[in-house]
Amino acid sequence: MIKKITRIRLHGRGGQGTVTLADLVAIAGFYMGYESQSFPSFGVERRGAPVTAFVRLSDEPIRLREQIYDVDYLIIQDSGLLGLDKTIEQGLRKAKAVIVNADKGNEALDGFDKTNIFFIPATDLALKIIGKPFVNTILLGAFGAVSGLLNLESMKAAIKEKIKKEVVDLNIKALEAAYDYVKKIKES
């Protein structure tokens, strides 16, 4: 259970599903019995432009309606933003965990404690399972496994609510693959 508000910030590019991922985390949190909130922040609305989204989960009503600077969890959908988008570093040192869509480390994260950084080959997994580079359900599964805040049932329910019916099964398969991938990392 959450003892206070858990703050999650997501970074990606327009068209990658960053806002959808934030919604999926919030919906899954709701199914877990948490109060939840998600909202985006972006400038010029265009494909490829940096997008930031925010999620709060809590046991109590959430009255805050502002961006999140100090984070508990950080999800980076596009590792190409590391080093380019300085807002990613805000609150990074205090984060319990950072989840990065990359199959190996990134020099932009040198100087940060690597014990709480999880590199997930989300794009590769998406291409293998879904057939397209849609990584949001994979990063949802990774977040659930890393944080322990969301269980598989709540995340599957969120996918069924938010994702188009014709691709739900593939996205649930991707979610489970990412969840298992992170569990194996944590066990080793």
C-alpha atoms as a PDB file:
ATOM      1  CA  MET A   1       0.000   0.000   0.000  1.00  0.00           C
ATOM      2  CA  ILE A   2       1.055   3.575  -0.593  1.00  0.00           C
ATOM      3  CA  LYS A   3       1.692   5.626   2.554  1.00  0.00           C
ATOM      4  CA  LYS A   4       1.844   8.958   0.727  1.00  0.00           C
ATOM      5  CA  ILE A   5       1.497  10.238  -2.793  1.00  0.00           C
ATOM      6  CA  THR A   6       3.682   8.331  -5.249  1.00  0.00           C
ATOM      7  CA  ARG A   7       4.920  10.624  -8.017  1.00  0.00           C
ATOM      8  CA  ILE A   8       5.717   9.286 -11.483  1.00  0.00           C
ATOM      9  CA  ARG A   9       7.048  11.290 -14.415  1.00  0.00           C
ATOM     10  CA  LEU A  10       7.213   9.986 -17.979  1.00  0.00           C
ATOM     11  CA  HIS A  11       9.295  11.362 -20.855  1.00  0.00           C
ATOM     12  CA  GLY A  12       8.898  10.523 -24.522  1.00  0.00           C
ATOM     13  CA  ARG A  13       8.195  12.042 -27.889  1.00  0.00           C
ATOM     14  CA  GLY A  14       4.883  12.910 -29.498  1.00  0.00           C
ATOM     15  CA  GLY A  15       3.352   9.853 -31.112  1.00  0.00           C
ATOM     16  CA  GLN A  16       5.105   7.309 -28.847  1.00  0.00           C
ATOM     17  CA  GLY A  17       2.182   6.843 -26.487  1.00  0.00           C
ATOM     18  CA  THR A  18       3.609   8.663 -23.466  1.00  0.00           C
ATOM     19  CA  VAL A  19       0.230  10.126 -22.504  1.00  0.00           C
ATOM     20  CA  THR A  20      -1.429   6.739 -23.050  1.00  0.00           C
ATOM     21  CA  LEU A  21       1.163   5.110 -20.780  1.00  0.00           C
ATOM     22  CA  ALA A  22       0.434   7.679 -18.068  1.00  0.00           C
ATOM     23  CA  ASP A  23      -3.284   6.928 -18.397  1.00  0.00           C
ATOM     24  CA  LEU A  24      -2.618   3.163 -18.218  1.00  0.00           C
ATOM     25  CA  VAL A  25      -0.615   3.566 -14.994  1.00  0.00           C
ATOM     26  CA  ALA A  26      -3.362   5.721 -13.465  1.00  0.00           C
ATOM     27  CA  ILE A  27      -6.143   3.332 -14.537  1.00  0.00           C
ATOM     28  CA  ALA A  28      -4.240   0.307 -13.200  1.00  0.00           C
ATOM     29  CA  GLY A  29      -3.681   2.239  -9.968  1.00  0.00           C
ATOM     30  CA  PHE A  30      -7.408   2.885  -9.749  1.00  0.00           C
ATOM     31  CA  TYR A  31      -8.054  -0.856 -10.146  1.00  0.00           C
ATOM     32  CA  MET A  32      -5.608  -1.422  -7.262  1.00  0.00           C
ATOM     33  CA  GLY A  33      -7.777   0.820  -5.079  1.00  0.00           C
ATOM     34  CA  TYR A  34      -5.588   3.941  -5.232  1.00  0.00           C
ATOM     35  CA  GLU A  35      -6.680   7.452  -5.916  1.00  0.00           C
ATOM     36  CA  SER A  36      -5.034   8.260  -9.244  1.00  0.00           C
ATOM     37  CA  GLN A  37      -4.325  11.197 -11.486  1.00  0.00           C
ATOM     38  CA  SER A  38      -2.602  11.511 -14.869  1.00  0.00           C
ATOM     39  CA  PHE A  39      -2.021  14.482 -17.127  1.00  0.00           C
ATOM     40  CA  PRO A  40       0.340  15.544 -19.932  1.00  0.00           C
ATOM     41  CA  SER A  41       2.503  18.572 -20.528  1.00  0.00           C
ATOM     42  CA  PHE A  42       3.729  19.405 -23.996  1.00  0.00           C
ATOM     43  CA  GLY A  43       4.538  22.443 -26.062  1.00  0.00           C
ATOM     44  CA  VAL A  44       3.974  22.526 -29.775  1.00  0.00           C
ATOM     45  CA  GLU A  45       1.825  19.501 -30.525  1.00  0.00           C
ATOM     46  CA  ARG A  46       3.670  17.572 -33.199  1.00  0.00           C
ATOM     47  CA  ARG A  47       4.937  14.081 -33.740  1.00  0.00           C
ATOM     48  CA  GLY A  48       8.487  13.697 -32.429  1.00  0.00           C
ATOM     49  CA  ALA A  49       8.438  16.694 -30.077  1.00  0.00           C
ATOM     50  CA  PRO A  50       9.292  16.039 -26.398  1.00  0.00           C
ATOM     51  CA  VAL A  51       6.296  15.122 -24.259  1.00  0.00           C
ATOM     52  CA  THR A  52       6.153  14.836 -20.497  1.00  0.00           C
ATOM     53  CA  ALA A  53       3.314  13.173 -18.620  1.00  0.00           C
ATOM     54  CA  PHE A  54       2.678  12.851 -14.903  1.00  0.00           C
ATOM     55  CA  VAL A  55       0.936  10.321 -12.661  1.00  0.00           C
ATOM     56  CA  ARG A  56       0.112  10.423  -8.979  1.00  0.00           C
ATOM     57  CA  LEU A  57      -1.102   7.423  -6.963  1.00  0.00           C
ATOM     58  CA  SER A  58      -2.241   7.716  -3.360  1.00  0.00           C
ATOM     59  CA  ASP A  59      -4.311   6.111  -0.599  1.00  0.00           C
ATOM     60  CA  GLU A  60      -5.916   9.487   0.040  1.00  0.00           C
ATOM     61  CA  PRO A  61      -7.592  12.079  -2.215  1.00  0.00           C
ATOM     62  CA  ILE A  62      -5.116  13.916  -4.450  1.00  0.00           C
ATOM     63  CA  ARG A  63      -5.577  17.652  -4.319  1.00  0.00           C
ATOM     64  CA  LEU A  64      -2.381  18.688  -6.143  1.00  0.00           C
ATOM     65  CA  ARG A  65      -2.732  19.776  -9.762  1.00  0.00           C
ATOM     66  CA  GLU A  66       0.815  20.712 -10.664  1.00  0.00           C
ATOM     67  CA  GLN A  67       3.736  19.233 -12.536  1.00  0.00           C
ATOM     68  CA  ILE A  68       5.974  16.760 -10.724  1.00  0.00           C
ATOM     69  CA  TYR A  69       9.575  17.805 -10.181  1.00  0.00           C
ATOM     70  CA  ASP A  70      10.757  15.458  -7.425  1.00  0.00           C
ATOM     71  CA  VAL A  71       9.862  11.971  -8.582  1.00  0.00           C
ATOM     72  CA  ASP A  72       9.557   8.571  -6.988  1.00  0.00           C
ATOM     73  CA  TYR A  73       9.650   6.834 -10.391  1.00  0.00           C
ATOM     74  CA  LEU A  74      10.846   8.044 -13.763  1.00  0.00           C
ATOM     75  CA  ILE A  75       9.956   6.324 -17.049  1.00  0.00           C
ATOM     76  CA  ILE A  76      11.901   7.300 -20.165  1.00  0.00           C
ATOM     77  CA  GLN A  77      10.278   6.035 -23.364  1.00  0.00           C
ATOM     78  CA  ASP A  78      12.944   7.474 -25.659  1.00  0.00           C
ATOM     79  CA  SER A  79      16.545   7.209 -24.447  1.00  0.00           C
ATOM     80  CA  GLY A  80      17.493   9.686 -27.185  1.00  0.00           C
ATOM     81  CA  LEU A  81      16.082  12.409 -24.929  1.00  0.00           C
ATOM     82  CA  LEU A  82      18.740  11.729 -22.286  1.00  0.00           C
ATOM     83  CA  GLY A  83      21.247  14.542 -22.374  1.00  0.00           C
ATOM     84  CA  LEU A  84      18.960  16.624 -24.609  1.00  0.00           C
ATOM     85  CA  ASP A  85      16.028  17.244 -22.280  1.00  0.00           C
ATOM     86  CA  LYS A  86      17.423  18.637 -19.030  1.00  0.00           C
ATOM     87  CA  THR A  87      14.036  18.360 -17.302  1.00  0.00           C
ATOM     88  CA  ILE A  88      14.587  14.595 -17.171  1.00  0.00           C
ATOM     89  CA  GLU A  89      17.316  15.142 -14.579  1.00  0.00           C
ATOM     90  CA  GLN A  90      14.987  17.074 -12.237  1.00  0.00           C
ATOM     91  CA  GLY A  91      14.475  14.883  -9.198  1.00  0.00           C
ATOM     92  CA  LEU A  92      16.400  11.996 -10.750  1.00  0.00           C
ATOM     93  CA  ARG A  93      18.808  11.528  -7.840  1.00  0.00           C
ATOM     94  CA  LYS A  94      15.944  10.976  -5.393  1.00  0.00           C
ATOM     95  CA  ALA A  95      13.994   8.549  -7.590  1.00  0.00           C
ATOM     96  CA  LYS A  96      13.390   5.068  -6.197  1.00  0.00           C
ATOM     97  CA  ALA A  97      13.709   3.703  -9.732  1.00  0.00           C
ATOM     98  CA  VAL A  98      14.277   4.834 -13.292  1.00  0.00           C
ATOM     99  CA  ILE A  99      13.007   2.764 -16.216  1.00  0.00           C
ATOM    100  CA  VAL A 100      14.669   3.457 -19.568  1.00  0.00           C
ATOM    101  CA  ASN A 101      13.667   2.072 -22.960  1.00  0.00           C
ATOM    102  CA  ALA A 102      17.151   0.927 -23.979  1.00  0.00           C
ATOM    103  CA  ASP A 103      18.934  -2.394 -24.147  1.00  0.00           C
ATOM    104  CA  LYS A 104      22.059  -1.064 -22.429  1.00  0.00           C
ATOM    105  CA  GLY A 105      23.343   1.867 -20.411  1.00  0.00           C
ATOM    106  CA  ASN A 106      23.441   5.458 -21.601  1.00  0.00           C
ATOM    107  CA  GLU A 107      26.381   7.781 -20.967  1.00  0.00           C
ATOM    108  CA  ALA A 108      23.950  10.610 -20.154  1.00  0.00           C
ATOM    109  CA  LEU A 109      23.188   8.693 -16.946  1.00  0.00           C
ATOM    110  CA  ASP A 110      26.853   8.496 -15.888  1.00  0.00           C
ATOM    111  CA  GLY A 111      27.189   9.962 -12.424  1.00  0.00           C
ATOM    112  CA  PHE A 112      23.832   8.603 -11.310  1.00  0.00           C
ATOM    113  CA  ASP A 113      23.382   5.584  -9.056  1.00  0.00           C
ATOM    114  CA  LYS A 114      22.899   2.684 -11.488  1.00  0.00           C
ATOM    115  CA  THR A 115      21.437   0.325  -8.877  1.00  0.00           C
ATOM    116  CA  ASN A 116      18.006   1.839  -9.362  1.00  0.00           C
ATOM    117  CA  ILE A 117      18.130   2.213 -13.173  1.00  0.00           C
ATOM    118  CA  PHE A 118      16.436  -0.500 -15.219  1.00  0.00           C
ATOM    119  CA  PHE A 119      17.252  -0.690 -18.922  1.00  0.00           C
ATOM    120  CA  ILE A 120      14.421  -2.453 -20.777  1.00  0.00           C
ATOM    121  CA  PRO A 121      14.667  -3.276 -24.510  1.00  0.00           C
ATOM    122  CA  ALA A 122      11.048  -2.176 -24.908  1.00  0.00           C
ATOM    123  CA  THR A 123      11.253  -1.360 -28.610  1.00  0.00           C
ATOM    124  CA  ASP A 124      12.782  -4.770 -29.413  1.00  0.00           C
ATOM    125  CA  LEU A 125      10.136  -6.545 -27.318  1.00  0.00           C
ATOM    126  CA  ALA A 126       7.362  -4.539 -28.984  1.00  0.00           C
ATOM    127  CA  LEU A 127       8.606  -5.383 -32.463  1.00  0.00           C
ATOM    128  CA  LYS A 128       8.826  -9.091 -31.596  1.00  0.00           C
ATOM    129  CA  ILE A 129       5.448  -9.340 -29.873  1.00  0.00           C
ATOM    130  CA  ILE A 130       3.231  -6.588 -31.272  1.00  0.00           C
ATOM    131  CA  GLY A 131       4.957  -6.163 -34.633  1.00  0.00           C
ATOM    132  CA  LYS A 132       5.192  -2.380 -34.209  1.00  0.00           C
ATOM    133  CA  PRO A 133       7.334  -0.152 -31.961  1.00  0.00           C
ATOM    134  CA  PHE A 134       4.500   0.586 -29.498  1.00  0.00           C
ATOM    135  CA  VAL A 135       6.223   0.398 -26.112  1.00  0.00           C
ATOM    136  CA  ASN A 136       3.667   1.762 -23.655  1.00  0.00           C
ATOM    137  CA  THR A 137       2.234  -1.579 -22.481  1.00  0.00           C
ATOM    138  CA  ILE A 138       5.742  -3.004 -22.208  1.00  0.00           C
ATOM    139  CA  LEU A 139       6.848  -0.091 -20.025  1.00  0.00           C
ATOM    140  CA  LEU A 140       3.633  -0.487 -18.014  1.00  0.00           C
ATOM    141  CA  GLY A 141       4.636  -4.093 -17.242  1.00  0.00           C
ATOM    142  CA  ALA A 142       8.176  -2.992 -16.404  1.00  0.00           C
ATOM    143  CA  PHE A 143       6.861  -0.300 -14.062  1.00  0.00           C
ATOM    144  CA  GLY A 144       4.548  -2.764 -12.315  1.00  0.00           C
ATOM    145  CA  ALA A 145       7.413  -5.211 -11.748  1.00  0.00           C
ATOM    146  CA  VAL A 146       9.928  -2.541 -10.672  1.00  0.00           C
ATOM    147  CA  SER A 147       7.621  -0.651  -8.306  1.00  0.00           C
ATOM    148  CA  GLY A 148       5.457  -3.466  -6.957  1.00  0.00           C
ATOM    149  CA  LEU A 149       2.579  -0.966  -6.891  1.00  0.00           C
ATOM    150  CA  LEU A 150       0.561  -2.605  -9.681  1.00  0.00           C
ATOM    151  CA  ASN A 151      -0.258  -6.266 -10.150  1.00  0.00           C
ATOM    152  CA  LEU A 152      -0.774  -8.038 -13.462  1.00  0.00           C
ATOM    153  CA  GLU A 153      -4.562  -8.131 -13.067  1.00  0.00           C
ATOM    154  CA  SER A 154      -4.855  -4.357 -12.612  1.00  0.00           C
ATOM    155  CA  MET A 155      -2.560  -3.672 -15.579  1.00  0.00           C
ATOM    156  CA  LYS A 156      -4.475  -6.121 -17.804  1.00  0.00           C
ATOM    157  CA  ALA A 157      -7.743  -4.428 -16.811  1.00  0.00           C
ATOM    158  CA  ALA A 158      -6.258  -1.035 -17.726  1.00  0.00           C
ATOM    159  CA  ILE A 159      -5.180  -2.359 -21.133  1.00  0.00           C
ATOM    160  CA  LYS A 160      -8.642  -3.804 -21.783  1.00  0.00           C
ATOM    161  CA  GLU A 161     -10.168  -0.432 -20.918  1.00  0.00           C
ATOM    162  CA  LYS A 162      -7.779   1.817 -22.841  1.00  0.00           C
ATOM    163  CA  ILE A 163      -6.381  -0.134 -25.830  1.00  0.00           C
ATOM    164  CA  LYS A 164      -8.276  -1.014 -29.026  1.00  0.00           C
ATOM    165  CA  LYS A 165      -9.955  -4.414 -28.754  1.00  0.00           C
ATOM    166  CA  GLU A 166      -8.258  -5.848 -31.847  1.00  0.00           C
ATOM    167  CA  VAL A 167      -4.784  -5.486 -30.271  1.00  0.00           C
ATOM    168  CA  VAL A 168      -5.586  -6.127 -26.599  1.00  0.00           C
ATOM    169  CA  ASP A 169      -4.285  -9.712 -26.616  1.00  0.00           C
ATOM    170  CA  LEU A 170      -0.941  -8.723 -28.159  1.00  0.00           C
ATOM    171  CA  ASN A 171      -0.555  -5.882 -25.663  1.00  0.00           C
ATOM    172  CA  ILE A 172      -1.312  -8.177 -22.730  1.00  0.00           C
ATOM    173  CA  LYS A 173       1.290 -10.607 -24.038  1.00  0.00           C
ATOM    174  CA  ALA A 174       3.787  -7.701 -24.267  1.00  0.00           C
ATOM    175  CA  LEU A 175       2.889  -6.589 -20.729  1.00  0.00           C
ATOM    176  CA  GLU A 176       3.528 -10.081 -19.360  1.00  0.00           C
ATOM    177  CA  ALA A 177       6.842 -10.393 -21.239  1.00  0.00           C
ATOM    178  CA  ALA A 178       8.113  -7.107 -19.793  1.00  0.00           C
ATOM    179  CA  TYR A 179       6.888  -7.981 -16.304  1.00  0.00           C
ATOM    180  CA  ASP A 180       8.738 -11.325 -16.457  1.00  0.00           C
ATOM    181  CA  TYR A 181      11.837  -9.657 -17.953  1.00  0.00           C
ATOM    182  CA  VAL A 182      12.095  -7.249 -15.003  1.00  0.00           C
ATOM    183  CA  LYS A 183      11.388  -9.955 -12.430  1.00  0.00           C
ATOM    184  CA  LYS A 184      14.361 -11.928 -13.828  1.00  0.00           C
ATOM    185  CA  ILE A 185      16.593  -8.837 -13.636  1.00  0.00           C
ATOM    186  CA  LYS A 186      15.574  -8.219 -10.027  1.00  0.00           C
ATOM    187  CA  GLU A 187      16.274 -11.882  -9.103  1.00  0.00           C
ATOM    188  CA  SER A 188      19.794 -11.840 -10.582  1.00  0.00           C
END
